[in-house]
Amino acid sequence: MPEHTPAPTPSRAVYGFAMFLSFKTFFILYLAWAVLPEEWFKYVGITCLPQRYWAVAIPIFLLTVLAIFAFVIYPNLGLFMTPSVDDLRTIKDSTCVRENKTNLLSPKNSEIKCSCKNEDRCFKNFERNCGDYVSKAIPVLQDLNIWEVSDHLYFK
């Protein structure tokens, strides 16, 4: 069974071309039915056609349904799925994970002897001496706890 992928394949190209041709053909037939006089169809032998009213009514109906969906139903789906302002889910959720403030240097790495040929350029020596660099580093991006923010802003 072939893998489902959005990449172009020969069968997808054939189906796309067939859909393109059928859409163009039906659109030309629709325009001919909507514009040409009925005498031309009677001359060809086509006598059973819908009223011309439907040539205008169906596209207007479809555009009205599309507009109602785009401007009423779709935005309301987003509003219904959004929690209310006083809900705790707007403040904290399962992805709100605080990072523990632990030392980035592990004691295991600092105890291991170096096997480098040039010990001056060894990274483990740099790791042992970089404690002051780590303390001055920019902290990792994380969520702020709403209660800590409130304490800092209002209960100084």
Protein backbone atom coordinates (compact mmCIF):
# COMPACT_ATOMS: atom_id res chain seq x y z
CA MET A 1 0.00 0.00 0.00
CA PRO A 2 1.52 3.36 -0.96
CA GLU A 3 2.33 5.91 1.69
CA HIS A 4 -0.14 8.77 2.10
CA THR A 5 1.75 11.93 1.31
CA PRO A 6 0.87 15.34 -0.10
CA ALA A 7 3.76 15.09 -2.55
CA PRO A 8 2.88 15.07 -6.26
CA THR A 9 2.36 11.61 -7.71
CA PRO A 10 1.42 10.56 -11.26
CA SER A 11 -2.03 9.31 -10.22
CA ARG A 12 -2.73 12.52 -8.33
CA ALA A 13 -1.73 14.51 -11.41
CA VAL A 14 -4.12 12.50 -13.60
CA TYR A 15 -7.00 12.96 -11.13
CA GLY A 16 -6.25 16.66 -10.85
CA PHE A 17 -6.21 17.11 -14.61
CA ALA A 18 -9.50 15.18 -14.97
CA MET A 19 -11.11 17.35 -12.27
CA PHE A 20 -9.80 20.49 -13.97
CA LEU A 21 -11.28 19.47 -17.33
CA SER A 22 -14.62 18.40 -15.83
CA PHE A 23 -14.93 21.64 -13.84
CA LYS A 24 -14.22 23.73 -16.93
CA THR A 25 -16.70 21.70 -18.99
CA PHE A 26 -19.50 21.98 -16.42
CA PHE A 27 -18.83 25.68 -15.92
CA ILE A 28 -19.07 26.33 -19.68
CA LEU A 29 -22.31 24.29 -19.83
CA TYR A 30 -23.68 26.29 -16.87
CA LEU A 31 -22.81 29.59 -18.54
CA ALA A 32 -24.38 28.41 -21.81
CA TRP A 33 -27.58 27.40 -19.98
CA ALA A 34 -27.68 30.72 -18.12
CA VAL A 35 -26.97 33.01 -21.11
CA LEU A 36 -28.08 31.39 -24.38
CA PRO A 37 -31.72 31.76 -25.48
CA GLU A 38 -34.05 28.76 -25.19
CA GLU A 39 -34.52 28.60 -28.96
CA TRP A 40 -30.92 27.49 -29.39
CA PHE A 41 -31.46 24.56 -27.02
CA LYS A 42 -34.70 23.62 -28.81
CA TYR A 43 -32.83 23.73 -32.14
CA VAL A 44 -30.27 21.25 -30.75
CA GLY A 45 -33.03 19.05 -29.33
CA ILE A 46 -32.73 19.85 -25.62
CA THR A 47 -36.20 20.69 -24.34
CA CYS A 48 -36.09 19.76 -20.64
CA LEU A 49 -34.09 22.45 -18.82
CA PRO A 50 -34.59 24.04 -15.40
CA GLN A 51 -35.90 27.58 -15.17
CA ARG A 52 -33.40 30.44 -15.56
CA TYR A 53 -34.28 31.56 -12.06
CA TRP A 54 -32.05 28.76 -10.70
CA ALA A 55 -29.04 30.06 -12.65
CA VAL A 56 -29.01 33.05 -10.33
CA ALA A 57 -30.67 31.58 -7.22
CA ILE A 58 -28.27 28.69 -6.62
CA PRO A 59 -25.03 30.78 -6.68
CA ILE A 60 -26.63 33.44 -4.46
CA PHE A 61 -27.81 30.75 -2.05
CA LEU A 62 -24.33 29.19 -1.93
CA LEU A 63 -22.67 32.57 -1.39
CA THR A 64 -25.13 33.36 1.40
CA VAL A 65 -24.39 30.04 3.10
CA LEU A 66 -20.65 30.68 2.72
CA ALA A 67 -20.97 34.19 4.19
CA ILE A 68 -23.01 32.92 7.15
CA PHE A 69 -20.44 30.21 7.80
CA ALA A 70 -17.47 32.56 7.43
CA PHE A 71 -18.82 35.47 9.48
CA VAL A 72 -21.14 33.80 12.01
CA ILE A 73 -20.58 30.07 12.52
CA TYR A 74 -16.79 29.84 12.25
CA PRO A 75 -16.02 32.77 14.62
CA ASN A 76 -18.62 31.49 17.10
CA LEU A 77 -16.93 28.08 17.16
CA GLY A 78 -13.77 29.82 18.35
CA LEU A 79 -15.71 31.80 20.94
CA PHE A 80 -17.45 28.70 22.30
CA MET A 81 -14.16 26.80 22.63
CA THR A 82 -12.42 29.67 24.45
CA PRO A 83 -12.68 29.48 28.24
CA SER A 84 -14.19 32.45 30.05
CA VAL A 85 -11.96 35.20 31.41
CA ASP A 86 -12.29 34.12 35.05
CA ASP A 87 -11.50 30.47 34.29
CA LEU A 88 -8.20 29.14 35.67
CA ARG A 89 -7.42 27.51 32.31
CA THR A 90 -6.63 30.98 30.94
CA ILE A 91 -3.92 31.36 33.58
CA LYS A 92 -2.39 27.91 33.95
CA ASP A 93 -2.63 24.70 31.95
CA SER A 94 -0.80 21.42 31.49
CA THR A 95 1.92 22.99 29.33
CA CYS A 96 2.80 25.55 32.01
CA VAL A 97 5.90 23.85 33.38
CA ARG A 98 8.35 25.80 35.49
CA GLU A 99 12.00 24.92 35.16
CA ASN A 100 13.75 23.93 38.34
CA LYS A 101 16.62 26.17 39.36
CA THR A 102 19.36 23.57 39.46
CA ASN A 103 23.02 23.86 38.74
CA LEU A 104 23.78 23.26 35.08
CA LEU A 105 27.13 21.69 35.95
CA SER A 106 26.89 18.09 36.94
CA PRO A 107 29.35 16.86 39.57
CA LYS A 108 29.89 13.68 37.58
CA ASN A 109 31.52 15.56 34.70
CA SER A 110 33.84 17.54 36.94
CA GLU A 111 35.21 14.45 38.73
CA ILE A 112 36.22 12.61 35.55
CA LYS A 113 39.85 12.98 34.54
CA CYS A 114 40.57 14.49 31.16
CA SER A 115 42.03 12.32 28.41
CA CYS A 116 42.80 15.21 26.05
CA LYS A 117 46.26 15.68 24.60
CA ASN A 118 46.22 19.40 25.37
CA GLU A 119 44.70 19.97 28.83
CA ASP A 120 44.70 23.76 28.40
CA ARG A 121 42.08 23.49 25.66
CA CYS A 122 39.99 20.84 27.43
CA PHE A 123 36.31 21.63 27.77
CA LYS A 124 36.09 20.04 31.22
CA ASN A 125 38.49 22.66 32.60
CA PHE A 126 36.24 25.33 31.17
CA GLU A 127 33.24 23.64 32.79
CA ARG A 128 34.90 23.70 36.21
CA ASN A 129 35.62 27.43 35.96
CA CYS A 130 32.40 28.66 34.38
CA GLY A 131 30.22 28.97 37.51
CA ASP A 132 30.29 32.77 37.38
CA TYR A 133 29.34 32.71 33.69
CA VAL A 134 26.33 30.50 34.41
CA SER A 135 25.13 32.74 37.23
CA LYS A 136 25.23 35.78 34.89
CA ALA A 137 23.51 33.97 32.01
CA ILE A 138 20.09 34.97 30.68
CA PRO A 139 17.50 32.64 32.22
CA VAL A 140 15.63 30.13 30.09
CA LEU A 141 12.26 31.25 28.72
CA GLN A 142 9.45 29.99 30.95
CA ASP A 143 5.93 30.79 32.09
CA LEU A 144 5.54 33.24 34.94
CA ASN A 145 3.37 32.13 37.81
CA ILE A 146 0.39 34.49 38.05
CA TRP A 147 0.57 34.55 41.84
CA GLU A 148 4.25 35.55 41.81
CA VAL A 149 3.49 38.32 39.32
CA SER A 150 0.63 39.58 41.49
CA ASP A 151 2.86 39.52 44.58
CA HIS A 152 5.58 41.43 42.76
CA LEU A 153 3.22 44.03 41.29
CA TYR A 154 0.80 44.65 44.14
CA PHE A 155 2.33 43.38 47.40
CA LYS A 156 5.84 44.84 47.25
